[in-house]
Amino acid sequence: MKALFLLTTLFMMNTFSSEKVKVFICTDPKSQIYHYVEDCKNLEKCSYEIKKLDKYLAVDDQKRECKLCKDKNPSLEKKKE
């Protein structure tokens, strides 16, 4: 029950967040990474369609952050200023 409450809370926080970060994913079923920039070197290897979507959807789909794109994360750039 606590897990369900936690998941619901996290979903609500992501859904109603005023800041919607967009990321890019390769639609290859084996792909497990999301990217902050469309011209990422790792994303260039994708031979499937590249899709732009909200970050929380990629995270919900259990994709992890690209290590090359991590420095270009828009939310991190705002915190540095």
N, C-alpha and C. Protein backbone atom coordinates (compact mmCIF):
# COMPACT_ATOMS: atom_id res chain seq x y z
N MET A 1 0.82 -1.19 0.00
CA MET A 1 0.00 0.00 0.00
C MET A 1 0.87 1.26 0.00
N LYS A 2 1.95 1.24 0.79
CA LYS A 2 2.85 2.39 0.83
C LYS A 2 3.51 2.60 -0.52
N ALA A 3 3.85 1.50 -1.20
CA ALA A 3 4.48 1.60 -2.51
C ALA A 3 3.54 2.24 -3.52
N LEU A 4 2.29 1.87 -3.47
CA LEU A 4 1.29 2.45 -4.37
C LEU A 4 1.14 3.94 -4.11
N PHE A 5 1.09 4.32 -2.84
CA PHE A 5 0.99 5.74 -2.49
C PHE A 5 2.22 6.50 -2.99
N LEU A 6 3.40 5.92 -2.81
CA LEU A 6 4.64 6.57 -3.25
C LEU A 6 4.65 6.73 -4.76
N LEU A 7 4.28 5.69 -5.49
CA LEU A 7 4.24 5.78 -6.95
C LEU A 7 3.23 6.82 -7.43
N THR A 8 2.09 6.85 -6.79
CA THR A 8 1.06 7.84 -7.15
C THR A 8 1.56 9.25 -6.89
N THR A 9 2.20 9.45 -5.76
CA THR A 9 2.74 10.76 -5.41
C THR A 9 3.80 11.20 -6.41
N LEU A 10 4.71 10.31 -6.74
CA LEU A 10 5.76 10.64 -7.71
C LEU A 10 5.16 10.96 -9.07
N PHE A 11 4.18 10.18 -9.48
CA PHE A 11 3.52 10.43 -10.76
C PHE A 11 2.86 11.80 -10.77
N MET A 12 2.17 12.13 -9.70
CA MET A 12 1.49 13.42 -9.61
C MET A 12 2.49 14.57 -9.63
N MET A 13 3.60 14.41 -8.93
CA MET A 13 4.62 15.46 -8.92
C MET A 13 5.17 15.69 -10.32
N ASN A 14 5.42 14.62 -11.04
CA ASN A 14 5.94 14.74 -12.40
C ASN A 14 4.89 15.30 -13.35
N THR A 15 3.67 14.87 -13.21
CA THR A 15 2.60 15.29 -14.10
C THR A 15 2.28 16.77 -13.95
N PHE A 16 2.25 17.25 -12.72
CA PHE A 16 1.86 18.63 -12.48
C PHE A 16 3.04 19.57 -12.31
N SER A 17 4.21 19.10 -12.60
CA SER A 17 5.40 19.94 -12.52
C SER A 17 5.27 21.09 -13.53
N SER A 18 5.64 22.29 -13.11
CA SER A 18 5.56 23.43 -14.02
C SER A 18 6.64 23.35 -15.09
N GLU A 19 7.69 22.60 -14.83
CA GLU A 19 8.80 22.48 -15.76
C GLU A 19 8.74 21.11 -16.43
N LYS A 20 8.48 21.08 -17.72
CA LYS A 20 8.43 19.84 -18.48
C LYS A 20 9.72 19.73 -19.29
N VAL A 21 10.63 18.88 -18.86
CA VAL A 21 11.88 18.67 -19.57
C VAL A 21 11.63 17.66 -20.67
N LYS A 22 12.03 17.99 -21.88
CA LYS A 22 11.89 17.10 -23.02
C LYS A 22 13.21 16.36 -23.22
N VAL A 23 13.10 15.08 -23.57
CA VAL A 23 14.28 14.25 -23.85
C VAL A 23 14.04 13.49 -25.15
N PHE A 24 15.09 12.86 -25.64
CA PHE A 24 15.02 12.10 -26.87
C PHE A 24 15.34 10.64 -26.58
N ILE A 25 14.59 9.74 -27.22
CA ILE A 25 14.86 8.32 -27.06
C ILE A 25 14.94 7.67 -28.43
N CYS A 26 15.68 6.58 -28.50
CA CYS A 26 15.69 5.72 -29.67
C CYS A 26 14.57 4.72 -29.46
N THR A 27 13.74 4.50 -30.47
CA THR A 27 12.60 3.60 -30.31
C THR A 27 12.98 2.12 -30.44
N ASP A 28 14.26 1.84 -30.55
CA ASP A 28 14.73 0.45 -30.54
C ASP A 28 14.30 -0.20 -29.23
N PRO A 29 13.63 -1.34 -29.27
CA PRO A 29 13.17 -1.99 -28.04
C PRO A 29 14.30 -2.30 -27.05
N LYS A 30 15.53 -2.40 -27.53
CA LYS A 30 16.66 -2.70 -26.66
C LYS A 30 17.27 -1.44 -26.03
N SER A 31 16.89 -0.28 -26.52
CA SER A 31 17.44 0.97 -26.01
C SER A 31 16.96 1.23 -24.59
N GLN A 32 17.89 1.61 -23.70
CA GLN A 32 17.57 1.83 -22.30
C GLN A 32 17.95 3.22 -21.82
N ILE A 33 18.26 4.12 -22.73
CA ILE A 33 18.82 5.43 -22.37
C ILE A 33 17.97 6.56 -22.97
N TYR A 34 17.86 7.66 -22.22
CA TYR A 34 17.27 8.87 -22.78
C TYR A 34 18.35 9.94 -22.88
N HIS A 35 18.15 10.87 -23.80
CA HIS A 35 19.15 11.88 -24.13
C HIS A 35 18.55 13.28 -24.03
N TYR A 36 19.36 14.23 -23.59
CA TYR A 36 18.90 15.61 -23.47
C TYR A 36 19.06 16.38 -24.78
N VAL A 37 19.99 15.97 -25.62
CA VAL A 37 20.22 16.66 -26.89
C VAL A 37 20.06 15.68 -28.05
N GLU A 38 19.42 16.17 -29.09
CA GLU A 38 19.13 15.29 -30.23
C GLU A 38 20.38 14.90 -31.01
N ASP A 39 21.41 15.71 -30.94
CA ASP A 39 22.62 15.40 -31.69
C ASP A 39 23.70 14.72 -30.82
N CYS A 40 23.28 14.03 -29.78
CA CYS A 40 24.19 13.28 -28.91
C CYS A 40 24.91 12.19 -29.72
N LYS A 41 26.18 12.02 -29.47
CA LYS A 41 26.97 11.00 -30.18
C LYS A 41 26.38 9.60 -29.99
N ASN A 42 25.90 9.30 -28.79
CA ASN A 42 25.31 7.98 -28.55
C ASN A 42 23.99 7.80 -29.30
N LEU A 43 23.23 8.86 -29.44
CA LEU A 43 21.95 8.78 -30.13
C LEU A 43 22.13 8.64 -31.64
N GLU A 44 23.26 9.11 -32.16
CA GLU A 44 23.54 8.98 -33.59
C GLU A 44 23.63 7.52 -34.03
N LYS A 45 23.89 6.63 -33.09
CA LYS A 45 24.01 5.20 -33.40
C LYS A 45 22.65 4.53 -33.61
N CYS A 46 21.58 5.22 -33.28
CA CYS A 46 20.23 4.66 -33.37
C CYS A 46 19.82 4.49 -34.83
N SER A 47 19.42 3.29 -35.19
CA SER A 47 18.95 3.03 -36.55
C SER A 47 17.41 2.98 -36.61
N TYR A 48 16.78 3.25 -35.48
CA TYR A 48 15.32 3.31 -35.39
C TYR A 48 14.89 4.77 -35.35
N GLU A 49 13.60 5.01 -35.19
CA GLU A 49 13.08 6.37 -35.09
C GLU A 49 13.52 7.00 -33.76
N ILE A 50 13.81 8.29 -33.80
CA ILE A 50 14.13 9.04 -32.59
C ILE A 50 12.88 9.83 -32.21
N LYS A 51 12.50 9.71 -30.95
CA LYS A 51 11.26 10.31 -30.47
C LYS A 51 11.55 11.31 -29.37
N LYS A 52 10.84 12.45 -29.38
CA LYS A 52 10.96 13.47 -28.33
C LYS A 52 9.76 13.32 -27.40
N LEU A 53 10.03 13.26 -26.09
CA LEU A 53 8.95 13.11 -25.13
C LEU A 53 9.35 13.71 -23.79
N ASP A 54 8.38 13.80 -22.89
CA ASP A 54 8.65 14.31 -21.55
C ASP A 54 9.58 13.35 -20.82
N LYS A 55 10.50 13.92 -20.05
CA LYS A 55 11.47 13.11 -19.31
C LYS A 55 10.79 12.10 -18.39
N TYR A 56 9.72 12.51 -17.72
CA TYR A 56 9.09 11.59 -16.77
C TYR A 56 8.56 10.34 -17.46
N LEU A 57 8.17 10.44 -18.73
CA LEU A 57 7.73 9.25 -19.46
C LEU A 57 8.89 8.29 -19.73
N ALA A 58 10.05 8.85 -20.05
CA ALA A 58 11.23 8.01 -20.26
C ALA A 58 11.64 7.33 -18.95
N VAL A 59 11.58 8.07 -17.85
CA VAL A 59 11.93 7.51 -16.54
C VAL A 59 10.91 6.44 -16.15
N ASP A 60 9.62 6.71 -16.39
CA ASP A 60 8.59 5.71 -16.11
C ASP A 60 8.80 4.43 -16.92
N ASP A 61 9.39 4.59 -18.10
CA ASP A 61 9.68 3.44 -18.96
C ASP A 61 11.02 2.78 -18.58
N GLN A 62 11.57 3.18 -17.44
CA GLN A 62 12.80 2.63 -16.85
C GLN A 62 14.03 2.89 -17.72
N LYS A 63 14.03 4.00 -18.43
CA LYS A 63 15.23 4.40 -19.17
C LYS A 63 16.10 5.23 -18.25
N ARG A 64 17.40 5.18 -18.48
CA ARG A 64 18.34 5.92 -17.64
C ARG A 64 18.98 7.05 -18.45
N GLU A 65 19.55 7.98 -17.74
CA GLU A 65 20.15 9.17 -18.32
C GLU A 65 21.44 8.84 -19.08
N CYS A 66 21.62 9.44 -20.24
CA CYS A 66 22.85 9.28 -21.02
C CYS A 66 23.98 10.01 -20.30
N LYS A 67 25.10 9.34 -20.14
CA LYS A 67 26.24 9.95 -19.45
C LYS A 67 26.85 11.10 -20.24
N LEU A 68 26.80 11.03 -21.57
CA LEU A 68 27.34 12.13 -22.39
C LEU A 68 26.46 13.37 -22.33
N CYS A 69 25.17 13.16 -22.23
CA CYS A 69 24.21 14.28 -22.21
C CYS A 69 24.05 14.89 -20.82
N LYS A 70 24.48 14.19 -19.80
CA LYS A 70 24.23 14.61 -18.42
C LYS A 70 24.64 16.07 -18.17
N ASP A 71 25.76 16.49 -18.76
CA ASP A 71 26.23 17.86 -18.57
C ASP A 71 25.36 18.89 -19.28
N LYS A 72 24.55 18.43 -20.22
CA LYS A 72 23.69 19.34 -20.97
C LYS A 72 22.26 19.31 -20.48
N ASN A 73 22.04 18.78 -19.30
CA ASN A 73 20.71 18.69 -18.70
C ASN A 73 20.18 20.09 -18.44
N PRO A 74 19.07 20.47 -19.06
CA PRO A 74 18.53 21.82 -18.88
C PRO A 74 18.24 22.18 -17.42
N SER A 75 17.77 21.25 -16.62
CA SER A 75 17.45 21.57 -15.23
C SER A 75 18.72 21.81 -14.41
N LEU A 76 19.81 21.16 -14.77
CA LEU A 76 21.08 21.39 -14.07
C LEU A 76 21.66 22.73 -14.44
N GLU A 77 21.50 23.14 -15.70
CA GLU A 77 22.03 24.43 -16.13
C GLU A 77 21.36 25.57 -15.38
N LYS A 78 20.07 25.47 -15.13
CA LYS A 78 19.35 26.52 -14.40
C LYS A 78 19.84 26.64 -12.96
N LYS A 79 20.19 25.52 -12.35
CA LYS A 79 20.64 25.54 -10.97
C LYS A 79 22.02 26.16 -10.85
N LYS A 80 22.85 26.05 -11.89
CA LYS A 80 24.21 26.58 -11.86
C LYS A 80 24.22 28.10 -11.91
N GLU A 81 23.20 28.71 -12.56
CA GLU A 81 23.19 30.16 -12.75
C GLU A 81 23.02 30.92 -11.46
